[in-house]
Amino acid sequence: MNLSVLGSLTALSAKTGIPKSTLSRRLSRLSEKFGEALFAYKGRRVVLTYRGTRFLEAVRKPVEELRSG
């Protein structure tokens, strides 16, 4: 979720300590699972596609509830 805010795999990697290559593979698998891209690359920035925005809206509240316990 932070990728949608941070806007780059480099920034997300620095924040989480997860290698960029691992993050990229995870994004690819997630997009494959949904049958279309959730993120698009615009230069070095990563932005949500329409489908990605809809997915984020659908999972944001349940994820926040899980995090808060």
C-alpha atoms as a PDB file:
ATOM      1  CA  MET A   1       0.000   0.000   0.000  1.00  0.00           C
ATOM      2  CA  ASN A   2       2.810   2.364   0.701  1.00  0.00           C
ATOM      3  CA  LEU A   3       3.897   2.206  -2.933  1.00  0.00           C
ATOM      4  CA  SER A   4       0.822   4.193  -3.906  1.00  0.00           C
ATOM      5  CA  VAL A   5       1.957   6.946  -1.526  1.00  0.00           C
ATOM      6  CA  LEU A   6       5.721   6.753  -1.994  1.00  0.00           C
ATOM      7  CA  GLY A   7       5.537   6.454  -5.769  1.00  0.00           C
ATOM      8  CA  SER A   8       8.698   4.446  -6.370  1.00  0.00           C
ATOM      9  CA  LEU A   9      10.070   0.998  -5.747  1.00  0.00           C
ATOM     10  CA  THR A  10      13.325   2.572  -4.574  1.00  0.00           C
ATOM     11  CA  ALA A  11      11.548   4.547  -1.849  1.00  0.00           C
ATOM     12  CA  LEU A  12       9.466   1.538  -0.796  1.00  0.00           C
ATOM     13  CA  SER A  13      12.562  -0.647  -0.724  1.00  0.00           C
ATOM     14  CA  ALA A  14      14.367   1.868   1.479  1.00  0.00           C
ATOM     15  CA  LYS A  15      11.394   2.106   3.838  1.00  0.00           C
ATOM     16  CA  THR A  16      10.756  -1.626   4.153  1.00  0.00           C
ATOM     17  CA  GLY A  17      14.193  -3.134   3.607  1.00  0.00           C
ATOM     18  CA  ILE A  18      12.751  -5.411   0.913  1.00  0.00           C
ATOM     19  CA  PRO A  19      14.908  -5.524  -2.237  1.00  0.00           C
ATOM     20  CA  LYS A  20      13.473  -3.747  -5.293  1.00  0.00           C
ATOM     21  CA  SER A  21      13.630  -6.967  -7.306  1.00  0.00           C
ATOM     22  CA  THR A  22      11.458  -8.742  -4.728  1.00  0.00           C
ATOM     23  CA  LEU A  23       8.945  -5.893  -4.700  1.00  0.00           C
ATOM     24  CA  SER A  24       8.804  -5.913  -8.490  1.00  0.00           C
ATOM     25  CA  ARG A  25       8.152  -9.674  -8.581  1.00  0.00           C
ATOM     26  CA  ARG A  26       5.400  -9.315  -5.974  1.00  0.00           C
ATOM     27  CA  LEU A  27       3.725  -6.568  -8.001  1.00  0.00           C
ATOM     28  CA  SER A  28       3.883  -8.721 -11.107  1.00  0.00           C
ATOM     29  CA  ARG A  29       2.334 -11.696  -9.312  1.00  0.00           C
ATOM     30  CA  LEU A  30      -0.428  -9.544  -7.856  1.00  0.00           C
ATOM     31  CA  SER A  31      -1.248  -8.103 -11.279  1.00  0.00           C
ATOM     32  CA  GLU A  32      -1.247 -11.594 -12.808  1.00  0.00           C
ATOM     33  CA  LYS A  33      -3.630 -12.776 -10.113  1.00  0.00           C
ATOM     34  CA  PHE A  34      -6.103 -10.007 -10.997  1.00  0.00           C
ATOM     35  CA  GLY A  35      -5.606 -10.351 -14.733  1.00  0.00           C
ATOM     36  CA  GLU A  36      -4.538  -6.771 -15.320  1.00  0.00           C
ATOM     37  CA  ALA A  37      -1.962  -4.255 -14.167  1.00  0.00           C
ATOM     38  CA  LEU A  38      -2.572  -2.565 -10.834  1.00  0.00           C
ATOM     39  CA  PHE A  39       0.407  -0.233 -11.254  1.00  0.00           C
ATOM     40  CA  ALA A  40       1.900   1.568 -14.243  1.00  0.00           C
ATOM     41  CA  TYR A  41       5.414   2.892 -14.644  1.00  0.00           C
ATOM     42  CA  LYS A  42       5.770   6.529 -15.668  1.00  0.00           C
ATOM     43  CA  GLY A  43       9.475   7.134 -15.934  1.00  0.00           C
ATOM     44  CA  ARG A  44      10.860   6.220 -12.528  1.00  0.00           C
ATOM     45  CA  ARG A  45       7.534   6.727 -10.783  1.00  0.00           C
ATOM     46  CA  VAL A  46       4.986   4.018 -10.136  1.00  0.00           C
ATOM     47  CA  VAL A  47       1.336   5.052 -10.232  1.00  0.00           C
ATOM     48  CA  LEU A  48      -1.905   3.209  -9.630  1.00  0.00           C
ATOM     49  CA  THR A  49      -3.977   2.241 -12.646  1.00  0.00           C
ATOM     50  CA  TYR A  50      -7.760   2.563 -12.481  1.00  0.00           C
ATOM     51  CA  ARG A  51      -7.975  -1.110 -11.436  1.00  0.00           C
ATOM     52  CA  GLY A  52      -5.225  -0.539  -8.857  1.00  0.00           C
ATOM     53  CA  THR A  53      -7.125   2.379  -7.367  1.00  0.00           C
ATOM     54  CA  ARG A  54     -10.281   0.287  -7.098  1.00  0.00           C
ATOM     55  CA  PHE A  55      -8.339  -2.566  -5.482  1.00  0.00           C
ATOM     56  CA  LEU A  56      -6.743  -0.220  -2.949  1.00  0.00           C
ATOM     57  CA  GLU A  57     -10.134   1.251  -2.051  1.00  0.00           C
ATOM     58  CA  ALA A  58     -11.524  -2.252  -1.506  1.00  0.00           C
ATOM     59  CA  VAL A  59      -8.733  -3.494   0.775  1.00  0.00           C
ATOM     60  CA  ARG A  60      -7.708  -0.363   2.662  1.00  0.00           C
ATOM     61  CA  LYS A  61     -10.267  -0.590   5.485  1.00  0.00           C
ATOM     62  CA  PRO A  62      -9.920  -4.358   6.129  1.00  0.00           C
ATOM     63  CA  VAL A  63      -6.123  -4.049   6.209  1.00  0.00           C
ATOM     64  CA  GLU A  64      -6.291  -1.121   8.638  1.00  0.00           C
ATOM     65  CA  GLU A  65      -8.628  -3.135  10.875  1.00  0.00           C
ATOM     66  CA  LEU A  66      -6.228  -6.085  10.859  1.00  0.00           C
ATOM     67  CA  ARG A  67      -3.307  -3.821  11.749  1.00  0.00           C
ATOM     68  CA  SER A  68      -5.168  -2.225  14.650  1.00  0.00           C
ATOM     69  CA  GLY A  69      -6.098  -5.629  16.055  1.00  0.00           C
END
